[in-house]
């Protein structure tokens, strides 16, 4: 995340305070992120991506929000897909404590789909 934040600051010629204002956070929050003491909340991923000029899904992957699962997305759910973008926007609105629940539900759904696919093929 440190590299993404620094890249976003440099690409937009922003200092730490200006970067924080662009994201709607305090300068001390950005300082915590840069120092590696805290991770930005998911709701800031879209802004970090916009400032770094990369897809939000890539920020989620780099930041460890989704683990490596994102690289296994089917072509129809590519990070640039409107459906994935909508999901990312909805994730921004969730409190961080709810993200674990979201990951659990997603994992459960993936298992069900895999099981159903095996039944249909077998």
PDB file of N, CA and C in Angstrom:
ATOM      1  N   UNK A   1       0.818  -1.187   0.000  1.00  0.00           N
ATOM      2  CA  UNK A   1       0.000   0.000   0.000  1.00  0.00           C
ATOM      3  C   UNK A   1       0.865   1.254   0.000  1.00  0.00           C
ATOM      4  N   UNK A   2       1.970   1.160   0.677  1.00  0.00           N
ATOM      5  CA  UNK A   2       2.852   2.325   0.741  1.00  0.00           C
ATOM      6  C   UNK A   2       3.213   2.812  -0.656  1.00  0.00           C
ATOM      7  N   UNK A   3       3.590   1.894  -1.531  1.00  0.00           N
ATOM      8  CA  UNK A   3       3.957   2.287  -2.893  1.00  0.00           C
ATOM      9  C   UNK A   3       2.778   2.893  -3.646  1.00  0.00           C
ATOM     10  N   UNK A   4       1.590   2.338  -3.450  1.00  0.00           N
ATOM     11  CA  UNK A   4       0.396   2.882  -4.107  1.00  0.00           C
ATOM     12  C   UNK A   4       0.107   4.303  -3.636  1.00  0.00           C
ATOM     13  N   UNK A   5       0.211   4.510  -2.341  1.00  0.00           N
ATOM     14  CA  UNK A   5      -0.058   5.834  -1.783  1.00  0.00           C
ATOM     15  C   UNK A   5       0.981   6.830  -2.280  1.00  0.00           C
ATOM     16  N   UNK A   6       2.231   6.439  -2.222  1.00  0.00           N
ATOM     17  CA  UNK A   6       3.291   7.348  -2.711  1.00  0.00           C
ATOM     18  C   UNK A   6       3.141   7.631  -4.201  1.00  0.00           C
ATOM     19  N   UNK A   7       2.794   6.588  -4.963  1.00  0.00           N
ATOM     20  CA  UNK A   7       2.586   6.770  -6.401  1.00  0.00           C
ATOM     21  C   UNK A   7       1.422   7.740  -6.644  1.00  0.00           C
ATOM     22  N   UNK A   8       0.333   7.565  -5.889  1.00  0.00           N
ATOM     23  CA  UNK A   8      -0.817   8.453  -6.025  1.00  0.00           C
ATOM     24  C   UNK A   8      -0.476   9.888  -5.676  1.00  0.00           C
ATOM     25  N   UNK A   9       0.335  10.070  -4.670  1.00  0.00           N
ATOM     26  CA  UNK A   9       0.759  11.423  -4.287  1.00  0.00           C
ATOM     27  C   UNK A   9       1.629  12.036  -5.381  1.00  0.00           C
ATOM     28  N   UNK A  10       2.593  11.267  -5.866  1.00  0.00           N
ATOM     29  CA  UNK A  10       3.506  11.778  -6.896  1.00  0.00           C
ATOM     30  C   UNK A  10       2.788  12.030  -8.217  1.00  0.00           C
ATOM     31  N   UNK A  11       1.919  11.113  -8.623  1.00  0.00           N
ATOM     32  CA  UNK A  11       1.223  11.242  -9.907  1.00  0.00           C
ATOM     33  C   UNK A  11       0.321  12.470  -9.948  1.00  0.00           C
ATOM     34  N   UNK A  12      -0.141  12.892  -8.776  1.00  0.00           N
ATOM     35  CA  UNK A  12      -1.045  14.035  -8.705  1.00  0.00           C
ATOM     36  C   UNK A  12      -0.402  15.267  -8.087  1.00  0.00           C
ATOM     37  N   UNK A  13       0.907  15.163  -7.853  1.00  0.00           N
ATOM     38  CA  UNK A  13       1.683  16.257  -7.253  1.00  0.00           C
ATOM     39  C   UNK A  13       1.039  16.761  -5.969  1.00  0.00           C
ATOM     40  N   UNK A  14       0.737  15.795  -5.081  1.00  0.00           N
ATOM     41  CA  UNK A  14       0.090  16.113  -3.813  1.00  0.00           C
ATOM     42  C   UNK A  14       1.034  15.823  -2.654  1.00  0.00           C
ATOM     43  N   UNK A  15       0.973  16.665  -1.639  1.00  0.00           N
ATOM     44  CA  UNK A  15       1.679  16.318  -0.414  1.00  0.00           C
ATOM     45  C   UNK A  15       0.735  15.459   0.428  1.00  0.00           C
ATOM     46  N   UNK A  16       1.212  15.010   1.558  1.00  0.00           N
ATOM     47  CA  UNK A  16       0.436  14.091   2.378  1.00  0.00           C
ATOM     48  C   UNK A  16      -0.897  14.710   2.810  1.00  0.00           C
ATOM     49  N   UNK A  17      -0.898  15.958   3.193  1.00  0.00           N
ATOM     50  CA  UNK A  17      -2.123  16.632   3.628  1.00  0.00           C
ATOM     51  C   UNK A  17      -3.118  16.741   2.485  1.00  0.00           C
ATOM     52  N   UNK A  18      -2.633  17.116   1.300  1.00  0.00           N
ATOM     53  CA  UNK A  18      -3.508  17.246   0.127  1.00  0.00           C
ATOM     54  C   UNK A  18      -4.080  15.889  -0.288  1.00  0.00           C
ATOM     55  N   UNK A  19      -3.238  14.868  -0.210  1.00  0.00           N
ATOM     56  CA  UNK A  19      -3.690  13.509  -0.524  1.00  0.00           C
ATOM     57  C   UNK A  19      -4.822  13.116   0.429  1.00  0.00           C
ATOM     58  N   UNK A  20      -4.629  13.387   1.704  1.00  0.00           N
ATOM     59  CA  UNK A  20      -5.649  13.077   2.709  1.00  0.00           C
ATOM     60  C   UNK A  20      -6.952  13.812   2.400  1.00  0.00           C
ATOM     61  N   UNK A  21      -6.862  15.064   2.028  1.00  0.00           N
ATOM     62  CA  UNK A  21      -8.062  15.846   1.680  1.00  0.00           C
ATOM     63  C   UNK A  21      -8.787  15.244   0.485  1.00  0.00           C
ATOM     64  N   UNK A  22      -8.022  14.770  -0.511  1.00  0.00           N
ATOM     65  CA  UNK A  22      -8.632  14.146  -1.698  1.00  0.00           C
ATOM     66  C   UNK A  22      -9.446  12.908  -1.318  1.00  0.00           C
ATOM     67  N   UNK A  23      -8.974  12.189  -0.297  1.00  0.00           N
ATOM     68  CA  UNK A  23      -9.651  10.957   0.129  1.00  0.00           C
ATOM     69  C   UNK A  23     -10.688  11.200   1.225  1.00  0.00           C
ATOM     70  N   UNK A  24     -10.655  12.391   1.812  1.00  0.00           N
ATOM     71  CA  UNK A  24     -11.594  12.682   2.890  1.00  0.00           C
ATOM     72  C   UNK A  24     -11.186  12.077   4.219  1.00  0.00           C
ATOM     73  N   UNK A  25      -9.879  11.963   4.443  1.00  0.00           N
ATOM     74  CA  UNK A  25      -9.362  11.438   5.707  1.00  0.00           C
ATOM     75  C   UNK A  25      -8.421  12.471   6.310  1.00  0.00           C
ATOM     76  N   UNK A  26      -7.967  12.204   7.501  1.00  0.00           N
ATOM     77  CA  UNK A  26      -7.021  13.108   8.144  1.00  0.00           C
ATOM     78  C   UNK A  26      -5.597  12.811   7.667  1.00  0.00           C
ATOM     79  N   UNK A  27      -4.746  13.793   7.811  1.00  0.00           N
ATOM     80  CA  UNK A  27      -3.335  13.602   7.481  1.00  0.00           C
ATOM     81  C   UNK A  27      -2.708  12.534   8.356  1.00  0.00           C
ATOM     82  N   UNK A  28      -3.163  12.442   9.606  1.00  0.00           N
ATOM     83  CA  UNK A  28      -2.592  11.421  10.489  1.00  0.00           C
ATOM     84  C   UNK A  28      -2.994  10.017  10.044  1.00  0.00           C
ATOM     85  N   UNK A  29      -4.185   9.872   9.444  1.00  0.00           N
ATOM     86  CA  UNK A  29      -4.586   8.556   8.921  1.00  0.00           C
ATOM     87  C   UNK A  29      -3.649   8.131   7.801  1.00  0.00           C
ATOM     88  N   UNK A  30      -3.373   9.061   6.887  1.00  0.00           N
ATOM     89  CA  UNK A  30      -2.453   8.754   5.782  1.00  0.00           C
ATOM     90  C   UNK A  30      -1.067   8.443   6.337  1.00  0.00           C
ATOM     91  N   UNK A  31      -0.659   9.174   7.348  1.00  0.00           N
ATOM     92  CA  UNK A  31       0.638   8.920   7.981  1.00  0.00           C
ATOM     93  C   UNK A  31       0.692   7.504   8.554  1.00  0.00           C
ATOM     94  N   UNK A  32      -0.396   7.069   9.178  1.00  0.00           N
ATOM     95  CA  UNK A  32      -0.474   5.703   9.718  1.00  0.00           C
ATOM     96  C   UNK A  32      -0.380   4.666   8.597  1.00  0.00           C
ATOM     97  N   UNK A  33      -1.037   4.950   7.477  1.00  0.00           N
ATOM     98  CA  UNK A  33      -0.993   4.029   6.337  1.00  0.00           C
ATOM     99  C   UNK A  33       0.426   3.920   5.795  1.00  0.00           C
ATOM    100  N   UNK A  34       1.056   5.074   5.625  1.00  0.00           N
ATOM    101  CA  UNK A  34       2.412   5.109   5.066  1.00  0.00           C
ATOM    102  C   UNK A  34       3.391   4.378   5.983  1.00  0.00           C
ATOM    103  N   UNK A  35       3.211   4.567   7.282  1.00  0.00           N
ATOM    104  CA  UNK A  35       4.101   3.915   8.255  1.00  0.00           C
ATOM    105  C   UNK A  35       3.805   2.420   8.393  1.00  0.00           C
ATOM    106  N   UNK A  36       2.688   1.967   7.820  1.00  0.00           N
ATOM    107  CA  UNK A  36       2.326   0.560   7.910  1.00  0.00           C
ATOM    108  C   UNK A  36       1.682   0.176   9.232  1.00  0.00           C
ATOM    109  N   UNK A  37       1.296   1.162  10.022  1.00  0.00           N
ATOM    110  CA  UNK A  37       0.662   0.869  11.309  1.00  0.00           C
ATOM    111  C   UNK A  37      -0.826   0.557  11.163  1.00  0.00           C
ATOM    112  N   UNK A  38      -1.432   1.065  10.101  1.00  0.00           N
ATOM    113  CA  UNK A  38      -2.851   0.811   9.835  1.00  0.00           C
ATOM    114  C   UNK A  38      -3.038   0.606   8.346  1.00  0.00           C
ATOM    115  N   UNK A  39      -4.126  -0.070   8.011  1.00  0.00           N
ATOM    116  CA  UNK A  39      -4.483  -0.290   6.620  1.00  0.00           C
ATOM    117  C   UNK A  39      -5.700   0.588   6.318  1.00  0.00           C
ATOM    118  N   UNK A  40      -5.737   1.218   5.148  1.00  0.00           N
ATOM    119  CA  UNK A  40      -6.910   2.029   4.821  1.00  0.00           C
ATOM    120  C   UNK A  40      -8.179   1.185   4.836  1.00  0.00           C
ATOM    121  N   UNK A  41      -9.269   1.781   5.306  1.00  0.00           N
ATOM    122  CA  UNK A  41     -10.558   1.088   5.265  1.00  0.00           C
ATOM    123  C   UNK A  41     -10.935   0.861   3.807  1.00  0.00           C
ATOM    124  N   UNK A  42     -11.704  -0.158   3.552  1.00  0.00           N
ATOM    125  CA  UNK A  42     -12.092  -0.520   2.191  1.00  0.00           C
ATOM    126  C   UNK A  42     -12.784   0.646   1.477  1.00  0.00           C
ATOM    127  N   UNK A  43     -13.511   1.467   2.224  1.00  0.00           N
ATOM    128  CA  UNK A  43     -14.232   2.569   1.576  1.00  0.00           C
ATOM    129  C   UNK A  43     -13.298   3.580   0.900  1.00  0.00           C
ATOM    130  N   UNK A  44     -12.002   3.533   1.212  1.00  0.00           N
ATOM    131  CA  UNK A  44     -11.044   4.454   0.585  1.00  0.00           C
ATOM    132  C   UNK A  44     -10.330   3.847  -0.621  1.00  0.00           C
ATOM    133  N   UNK A  45     -10.591   2.583  -0.897  1.00  0.00           N
ATOM    134  CA  UNK A  45      -9.901   1.890  -1.993  1.00  0.00           C
ATOM    135  C   UNK A  45     -10.156   2.566  -3.335  1.00  0.00           C
ATOM    136  N   UNK A  46     -11.394   2.934  -3.593  1.00  0.00           N
ATOM    137  CA  UNK A  46     -11.708   3.558  -4.885  1.00  0.00           C
ATOM    138  C   UNK A  46     -10.932   4.868  -5.067  1.00  0.00           C
ATOM    139  N   UNK A  47     -10.845   5.673  -4.010  1.00  0.00           N
ATOM    140  CA  UNK A  47     -10.088   6.923  -4.084  1.00  0.00           C
ATOM    141  C   UNK A  47      -8.596   6.686  -4.259  1.00  0.00           C
ATOM    142  N   UNK A  48      -8.065   5.704  -3.555  1.00  0.00           N
ATOM    143  CA  UNK A  48      -6.646   5.362  -3.692  1.00  0.00           C
ATOM    144  C   UNK A  48      -6.370   4.913  -5.119  1.00  0.00           C
ATOM    145  N   UNK A  49      -7.280   4.098  -5.664  1.00  0.00           N
ATOM    146  CA  UNK A  49      -7.127   3.625  -7.046  1.00  0.00           C
ATOM    147  C   UNK A  49      -7.179   4.785  -8.027  1.00  0.00           C
ATOM    148  N   UNK A  50      -8.134   5.684  -7.822  1.00  0.00           N
ATOM    149  CA  UNK A  50      -8.276   6.840  -8.723  1.00  0.00           C
ATOM    150  C   UNK A  50      -6.997   7.680  -8.720  1.00  0.00           C
ATOM    151  N   UNK A  51      -6.469   7.933  -7.544  1.00  0.00           N
ATOM    152  CA  UNK A  51      -5.258   8.752  -7.441  1.00  0.00           C
ATOM    153  C   UNK A  51      -4.028   8.028  -7.984  1.00  0.00           C
ATOM    154  N   UNK A  52      -3.989   6.704  -7.819  1.00  0.00           N
ATOM    155  CA  UNK A  52      -2.860   5.918  -8.336  1.00  0.00           C
ATOM    156  C   UNK A  52      -3.036   5.564  -9.809  1.00  0.00           C
ATOM    157  N   UNK A  53      -4.251   5.834 -10.330  1.00  0.00           N
ATOM    158  CA  UNK A  53      -4.566   5.578 -11.742  1.00  0.00           C
ATOM    159  C   UNK A  53      -4.468   4.085 -12.101  1.00  0.00           C
ATOM    160  N   UNK A  54      -5.024   3.269 -11.196  1.00  0.00           N
ATOM    161  CA  UNK A  54      -5.096   1.827 -11.445  1.00  0.00           C
ATOM    162  C   UNK A  54      -6.499   1.350 -11.060  1.00  0.00           C
ATOM    163  N   UNK A  55      -6.916   0.161 -11.529  1.00  0.00           N
ATOM    164  CA  UNK A  55      -8.244  -0.350 -11.172  1.00  0.00           C
ATOM    165  C   UNK A  55      -8.370  -0.594  -9.664  1.00  0.00           C
ATOM    166  N   UNK A  56      -9.550  -0.329  -9.131  1.00  0.00           N
ATOM    167  CA  UNK A  56      -9.804  -0.543  -7.704  1.00  0.00           C
ATOM    168  C   UNK A  56      -9.559  -1.998  -7.313  1.00  0.00           C
ATOM    169  N   UNK A  57      -9.869  -2.918  -8.219  1.00  0.00           N
ATOM    170  CA  UNK A  57      -9.647  -4.335  -7.924  1.00  0.00           C
ATOM    171  C   UNK A  57      -8.169  -4.616  -7.666  1.00  0.00           C
ATOM    172  N   UNK A  58      -7.309  -3.913  -8.355  1.00  0.00           N
ATOM    173  CA  UNK A  58      -5.867  -4.106  -8.150  1.00  0.00           C
ATOM    174  C   UNK A  58      -5.458  -3.598  -6.762  1.00  0.00           C
ATOM    175  N   UNK A  59      -6.046  -2.484  -6.335  1.00  0.00           N
ATOM    176  CA  UNK A  59      -5.768  -1.970  -4.985  1.00  0.00           C
ATOM    177  C   UNK A  59      -6.255  -2.973  -3.941  1.00  0.00           C
ATOM    178  N   UNK A  60      -7.429  -3.543  -4.172  1.00  0.00           N
ATOM    179  CA  UNK A  60      -7.947  -4.552  -3.248  1.00  0.00           C
ATOM    180  C   UNK A  60      -6.992  -5.741  -3.150  1.00  0.00           C
ATOM    181  N   UNK A  61      -6.456  -6.154  -4.287  1.00  0.00           N
ATOM    182  CA  UNK A  61      -5.530  -7.287  -4.306  1.00  0.00           C
ATOM    183  C   UNK A  61      -4.218  -6.928  -3.609  1.00  0.00           C
ATOM    184  N   UNK A  62      -3.638  -5.800  -3.997  1.00  0.00           N
ATOM    185  CA  UNK A  62      -2.359  -5.379  -3.416  1.00  0.00           C
ATOM    186  C   UNK A  62      -2.485  -5.156  -1.912  1.00  0.00           C
ATOM    187  N   UNK A  63      -3.615  -4.566  -1.517  1.00  0.00           N
ATOM    188  CA  UNK A  63      -3.837  -4.270  -0.107  1.00  0.00           C
ATOM    189  C   UNK A  63      -4.210  -5.473   0.739  1.00  0.00           C
ATOM    190  N   UNK A  64      -4.417  -6.617   0.084  1.00  0.00           N
ATOM    191  CA  UNK A  64      -4.753  -7.829   0.812  1.00  0.00           C
ATOM    192  C   UNK A  64      -6.203  -7.899   1.259  1.00  0.00           C
ATOM    193  N   UNK A  65      -7.052  -7.060   0.672  1.00  0.00           N
ATOM    194  CA  UNK A  65      -8.464  -7.067   1.052  1.00  0.00           C
ATOM    195  C   UNK A  65      -9.186  -8.313   0.546  1.00  0.00           C
ATOM    196  N   UNK A  66      -8.770  -8.817  -0.595  1.00  0.00           N
ATOM    197  CA  UNK A  66      -9.435  -9.975  -1.182  1.00  0.00           C
ATOM    198  C   UNK A  66      -8.507 -11.171  -1.303  1.00  0.00           C
ATOM    199  N   UNK A  67      -7.317 -11.048  -0.830  1.00  0.00           N
ATOM    200  CA  UNK A  67      -6.355 -12.125  -0.975  1.00  0.00           C
ATOM    201  C   UNK A  67      -6.041 -12.335  -2.445  1.00  0.00           C
ATOM    202  N   UNK A  68      -5.715 -13.531  -2.804  1.00  0.00           N
ATOM    203  CA  UNK A  68      -5.351 -13.812  -4.193  1.00  0.00           C
ATOM    204  C   UNK A  68      -6.542 -14.232  -5.031  1.00  0.00           C
ATOM    205  N   UNK A  69      -7.753 -14.300  -4.417  1.00  0.00           N
ATOM    206  CA  UNK A  69      -8.913 -14.784  -5.147  1.00  0.00           C
ATOM    207  C   UNK A  69      -9.201 -13.961  -6.395  1.00  0.00           C
ATOM    208  N   UNK A  70      -8.864 -12.675  -6.351  1.00  0.00           N
ATOM    209  CA  UNK A  70      -9.240 -11.814  -7.472  1.00  0.00           C
ATOM    210  C   UNK A  70      -8.577 -12.243  -8.767  1.00  0.00           C
ATOM    211  N   UNK A  71      -7.405 -12.844  -8.678  1.00  0.00           N
ATOM    212  CA  UNK A  71      -6.738 -13.279  -9.908  1.00  0.00           C
ATOM    213  C   UNK A  71      -7.477 -14.455 -10.540  1.00  0.00           C
ATOM    214  N   UNK A  72      -8.349 -15.120  -9.770  1.00  0.00           N
ATOM    215  CA  UNK A  72      -9.107 -16.240 -10.298  1.00  0.00           C
ATOM    216  C   UNK A  72     -10.484 -15.870 -10.793  1.00  0.00           C
ATOM    217  N   UNK A  73     -10.779 -14.579 -10.901  1.00  0.00           N
ATOM    218  CA  UNK A  73     -12.094 -14.171 -11.385  1.00  0.00           C
ATOM    219  C   UNK A  73     -12.297 -14.628 -12.817  1.00  0.00           C
ATOM    220  N   UNK A  74     -13.497 -15.096 -13.138  1.00  0.00           N
ATOM    221  CA  UNK A  74     -13.770 -15.442 -14.536  1.00  0.00           C
ATOM    222  C   UNK A  74     -13.746 -14.200 -15.404  1.00  0.00           C
ATOM    223  N   UNK A  75     -13.551 -14.401 -16.685  1.00  0.00           N
ATOM    224  CA  UNK A  75     -13.452 -13.283 -17.623  1.00  0.00           C
ATOM    225  C   UNK A  75     -14.654 -12.346 -17.525  1.00  0.00           C
ATOM    226  N   UNK A  76     -15.857 -12.903 -17.311  1.00  0.00           N
ATOM    227  CA  UNK A  76     -17.065 -12.078 -17.236  1.00  0.00           C
ATOM    228  C   UNK A  76     -17.054 -11.165 -16.024  1.00  0.00           C
ATOM    229  N   UNK A  77     -16.224 -11.471 -15.037  1.00  0.00           N
ATOM    230  CA  UNK A  77     -16.155 -10.648 -13.837  1.00  0.00           C
ATOM    231  C   UNK A  77     -14.799  -9.962 -13.728  1.00  0.00           C
ATOM    232  N   UNK A  78     -14.261  -9.581 -14.841  1.00  0.00           N
ATOM    233  CA  UNK A  78     -12.983  -8.873 -14.841  1.00  0.00           C
ATOM    234  C   UNK A  78     -13.108  -7.611 -14.004  1.00  0.00           C
ATOM    235  N   UNK A  79     -12.021  -7.113 -13.405  1.00  0.00           N
ATOM    236  CA  UNK A  79     -12.104  -5.943 -12.540  1.00  0.00           C
ATOM    237  C   UNK A  79     -12.771  -4.732 -13.186  1.00  0.00           C
ATOM    238  N   UNK A  80     -12.732  -4.618 -14.492  1.00  0.00           N
ATOM    239  CA  UNK A  80     -13.323  -3.463 -15.156  1.00  0.00           C
ATOM    240  C   UNK A  80     -14.822  -3.655 -15.377  1.00  0.00           C
ATOM    241  N   UNK A  81     -15.349  -4.823 -15.061  1.00  0.00           N
ATOM    242  CA  UNK A  81     -16.763  -5.125 -15.234  1.00  0.00           C
ATOM    243  C   UNK A  81     -17.606  -4.192 -14.375  1.00  0.00           C
ATOM    244  N   UNK A  82     -18.727  -3.691 -14.895  1.00  0.00           N
ATOM    245  CA  UNK A  82     -19.614  -2.845 -14.084  1.00  0.00           C
ATOM    246  C   UNK A  82     -20.130  -3.561 -12.838  1.00  0.00           C
ATOM    247  N   UNK A  83     -20.336  -4.881 -12.944  1.00  0.00           N
ATOM    248  CA  UNK A  83     -20.802  -5.631 -11.764  1.00  0.00           C
ATOM    249  C   UNK A  83     -19.752  -5.626 -10.663  1.00  0.00           C
ATOM    250  N   UNK A  84     -18.508  -5.845 -11.031  1.00  0.00           N
ATOM    251  CA  UNK A  84     -17.444  -5.853 -10.025  1.00  0.00           C
ATOM    252  C   UNK A  84     -17.260  -4.451  -9.455  1.00  0.00           C
ATOM    253  N   UNK A  85     -17.327  -3.446 -10.298  1.00  0.00           N
ATOM    254  CA  UNK A  85     -17.203  -2.068  -9.821  1.00  0.00           C
ATOM    255  C   UNK A  85     -18.308  -1.749  -8.814  1.00  0.00           C
ATOM    256  N   UNK A  86     -19.526  -2.224  -9.091  1.00  0.00           N
ATOM    257  CA  UNK A  86     -20.652  -1.996  -8.173  1.00  0.00           C
ATOM    258  C   UNK A  86     -20.404  -2.702  -6.841  1.00  0.00           C
ATOM    259  N   UNK A  87     -19.898  -3.920  -6.912  1.00  0.00           N
ATOM    260  CA  UNK A  87     -19.600  -4.664  -5.687  1.00  0.00           C
ATOM    261  C   UNK A  87     -18.550  -3.933  -4.868  1.00  0.00           C
ATOM    262  N   UNK A  88     -17.531  -3.429  -5.541  1.00  0.00           N
ATOM    263  CA  UNK A  88     -16.477  -2.697  -4.842  1.00  0.00           C
ATOM    264  C   UNK A  88     -17.055  -1.461  -4.166  1.00  0.00           C
ATOM    265  N   UNK A  89     -17.925  -0.737  -4.881  1.00  0.00           N
ATOM    266  CA  UNK A  89     -18.554   0.444  -4.280  1.00  0.00           C
ATOM    267  C   UNK A  89     -19.365   0.057  -3.047  1.00  0.00           C
ATOM    268  N   UNK A  90     -20.091  -1.057  -3.127  1.00  0.00           N
ATOM    269  CA  UNK A  90     -20.877  -1.506  -1.975  1.00  0.00           C
ATOM    270  C   UNK A  90     -19.970  -1.912  -0.810  1.00  0.00           C
ATOM    271  N   UNK A  91     -18.844  -2.535  -1.118  1.00  0.00           N
ATOM    272  CA  UNK A  91     -17.900  -2.906  -0.060  1.00  0.00           C
ATOM    273  C   UNK A  91     -17.380  -1.679   0.678  1.00  0.00           C
ATOM    274  N   UNK A  92     -17.236  -0.572  -0.022  1.00  0.00           N
ATOM    275  CA  UNK A  92     -16.746   0.658   0.599  1.00  0.00           C
ATOM    276  C   UNK A  92     -17.669   1.112   1.716  1.00  0.00           C
ATOM    277  N   UNK A  93     -18.950   0.803   1.593  1.00  0.00           N
ATOM    278  CA  UNK A  93     -19.929   1.262   2.567  1.00  0.00           C
ATOM    279  C   UNK A  93     -19.992   0.393   3.816  1.00  0.00           C
ATOM    280  N   UNK A  94     -19.377  -0.776   3.759  1.00  0.00           N
ATOM    281  CA  UNK A  94     -19.419  -1.695   4.899  1.00  0.00           C
ATOM    282  C   UNK A  94     -18.398  -1.317   5.959  1.00  0.00           C
ATOM    283  N   UNK A  95     -18.766  -1.461   7.219  1.00  0.00           N
ATOM    284  CA  UNK A  95     -17.758  -1.321   8.274  1.00  0.00           C
ATOM    285  C   UNK A  95     -16.749  -2.460   8.127  1.00  0.00           C
ATOM    286  N   UNK A  96     -15.527  -2.206   8.509  1.00  0.00           N
ATOM    287  CA  UNK A  96     -14.479  -3.211   8.334  1.00  0.00           C
ATOM    288  C   UNK A  96     -14.814  -4.530   9.028  1.00  0.00           C
ATOM    289  N   UNK A  97     -15.488  -4.468  10.169  1.00  0.00           N
ATOM    290  CA  UNK A  97     -15.816  -5.706  10.898  1.00  0.00           C
ATOM    291  C   UNK A  97     -16.731  -6.614  10.086  1.00  0.00           C
ATOM    292  N   UNK A  98     -17.494  -6.037   9.145  1.00  0.00           N
ATOM    293  CA  UNK A  98     -18.401  -6.832   8.323  1.00  0.00           C
ATOM    294  C   UNK A  98     -17.706  -7.502   7.145  1.00  0.00           C
ATOM    295  N   UNK A  99     -16.499  -7.081   6.831  1.00  0.00           N
ATOM    296  CA  UNK A  99     -15.804  -7.660   5.682  1.00  0.00           C
ATOM    297  C   UNK A  99     -15.506  -9.139   5.874  1.00  0.00           C
ATOM    298  N   UNK A 100     -15.233  -9.546   7.106  1.00  0.00           N
ATOM    299  CA  UNK A 100     -14.975 -10.963   7.377  1.00  0.00           C
ATOM    300  C   UNK A 100     -16.225 -11.769   7.043  1.00  0.00           C
ATOM    301  N   UNK A 101     -17.384 -11.243   7.417  1.00  0.00           N
ATOM    302  CA  UNK A 101     -18.647 -11.909   7.102  1.00  0.00           C
ATOM    303  C   UNK A 101     -18.827 -12.010   5.599  1.00  0.00           C
ATOM    304  N   UNK A 102     -18.506 -10.941   4.882  1.00  0.00           N
ATOM    305  CA  UNK A 102     -18.626 -10.939   3.423  1.00  0.00           C
ATOM    306  C   UNK A 102     -17.719 -12.006   2.827  1.00  0.00           C
ATOM    307  N   UNK A 103     -16.489 -12.103   3.322  1.00  0.00           N
ATOM    308  CA  UNK A 103     -15.559 -13.111   2.820  1.00  0.00           C
ATOM    309  C   UNK A 103     -16.085 -14.517   3.102  1.00  0.00           C
ATOM    310  N   UNK A 104     -16.661 -14.721   4.288  1.00  0.00           N
ATOM    311  CA  UNK A 104     -17.221 -16.030   4.628  1.00  0.00           C
ATOM    312  C   UNK A 104     -18.375 -16.405   3.700  1.00  0.00           C
ATOM    313  N   UNK A 105     -19.265 -15.449   3.460  1.00  0.00           N
ATOM    314  CA  UNK A 105     -20.412 -15.696   2.579  1.00  0.00           C
ATOM    315  C   UNK A 105     -19.930 -15.993   1.166  1.00  0.00           C
ATOM    316  N   UNK A 106     -18.963 -15.202   0.676  1.00  0.00           N
ATOM    317  CA  UNK A 106     -18.434 -15.417  -0.674  1.00  0.00           C
ATOM    318  C   UNK A 106     -17.807 -16.798  -0.794  1.00  0.00           C
ATOM    319  N   UNK A 107     -17.073 -17.195   0.219  1.00  0.00           N
ATOM    320  CA  UNK A 107     -16.448 -18.518   0.207  1.00  0.00           C
ATOM    321  C   UNK A 107     -17.505 -19.617   0.196  1.00  0.00           C
ATOM    322  N   UNK A 108     -18.543 -19.441   0.994  1.00  0.00           N
ATOM    323  CA  UNK A 108     -19.626 -20.422   1.043  1.00  0.00           C
ATOM    324  C   UNK A 108     -20.337 -20.514  -0.306  1.00  0.00           C
ATOM    325  N   UNK A 109     -20.611 -19.373  -0.915  1.00  0.00           N
ATOM    326  CA  UNK A 109     -21.265 -19.359  -2.227  1.00  0.00           C
ATOM    327  C   UNK A 109     -20.394 -20.022  -3.285  1.00  0.00           C
ATOM    328  N   UNK A 110     -19.104 -19.750  -3.243  1.00  0.00           N
ATOM    329  CA  UNK A 110     -18.190 -20.352  -4.212  1.00  0.00           C
ATOM    330  C   UNK A 110     -18.197 -21.879  -4.069  1.00  0.00           C
ATOM    331  N   UNK A 111     -18.229 -22.361  -2.831  1.00  0.00           N
ATOM    332  CA  UNK A 111     -18.276 -23.806  -2.597  1.00  0.00           C
ATOM    333  C   UNK A 111     -19.564 -24.409  -3.145  1.00  0.00           C
ATOM    334  N   UNK A 112     -20.682 -23.714  -2.938  1.00  0.00           N
ATOM    335  CA  UNK A 112     -21.965 -24.209  -3.447  1.00  0.00           C
ATOM    336  C   UNK A 112     -21.970 -24.267  -4.965  1.00  0.00           C
ATOM    337  N   UNK A 113     -21.460 -23.216  -5.594  1.00  0.00           N
ATOM    338  CA  UNK A 113     -21.422 -23.180  -7.063  1.00  0.00           C
ATOM    339  C   UNK A 113     -20.542 -24.304  -7.582  1.00  0.00           C
ATOM    340  N   UNK A 114     -19.394 -24.502  -6.957  1.00  0.00           N
ATOM    341  CA  UNK A 114     -18.489 -25.577  -7.380  1.00  0.00           C
ATOM    342  C   UNK A 114     -19.155 -26.943  -7.219  1.00  0.00           C
ATOM    343  N   UNK A 115     -19.832 -27.137  -6.091  1.00  0.00           N
ATOM    344  CA  UNK A 115     -20.522 -28.403  -5.844  1.00  0.00           C
ATOM    345  C   UNK A 115     -21.625 -28.621  -6.875  1.00  0.00           C
ATOM    346  N   UNK A 116     -22.398 -27.567  -7.151  1.00  0.00           N
ATOM    347  CA  UNK A 116     -23.483 -27.682  -8.126  1.00  0.00           C
ATOM    348  C   UNK A 116     -22.934 -27.975  -9.517  1.00  0.00           C
ATOM    349  N   UNK A 117     -21.832 -27.319  -9.885  1.00  0.00           N
ATOM    350  CA  UNK A 117     -21.225 -27.554 -11.203  1.00  0.00           C
ATOM    351  C   UNK A 117     -20.769 -28.995 -11.334  1.00  0.00           C
ATOM    352  N   UNK A 118     -20.179 -29.544 -10.282  1.00  0.00           N
ATOM    353  CA  UNK A 118     -19.726 -30.937 -10.312  1.00  0.00           C
ATOM    354  C   UNK A 118     -20.899 -31.889 -10.470  1.00  0.00           C
ATOM    355  N   UNK A 119     -22.016 -31.572  -9.797  1.00  0.00           N
ATOM    356  CA  UNK A 119     -23.212 -32.429  -9.918  1.00  0.00           C
ATOM    357  C   UNK A 119     -23.765 -32.387 -11.323  1.00  0.00           C
ATOM    358  N   UNK A 120     -23.776 -31.199 -11.924  1.00  0.00           N
ATOM    359  CA  UNK A 120     -24.317 -31.061 -13.276  1.00  0.00           C
ATOM    360  C   UNK A 120     -23.429 -31.744 -14.310  1.00  0.00           C
ATOM    361  N   UNK A 121     -22.122 -31.727 -14.077  1.00  0.00           N
ATOM    362  CA  UNK A 121     -21.188 -32.355 -15.013  1.00  0.00           C
ATOM    363  C   UNK A 121     -21.096 -33.865 -14.809  1.00  0.00           C
ATOM    364  N   UNK A 122     -21.298 -34.296 -13.567  1.00  0.00           N
ATOM    365  CA  UNK A 122     -21.090 -35.695 -13.244  1.00  0.00           C
ATOM    366  C   UNK A 122     -22.336 -36.460 -13.296  1.00  0.00           C
TER     367      UNK A 122
END
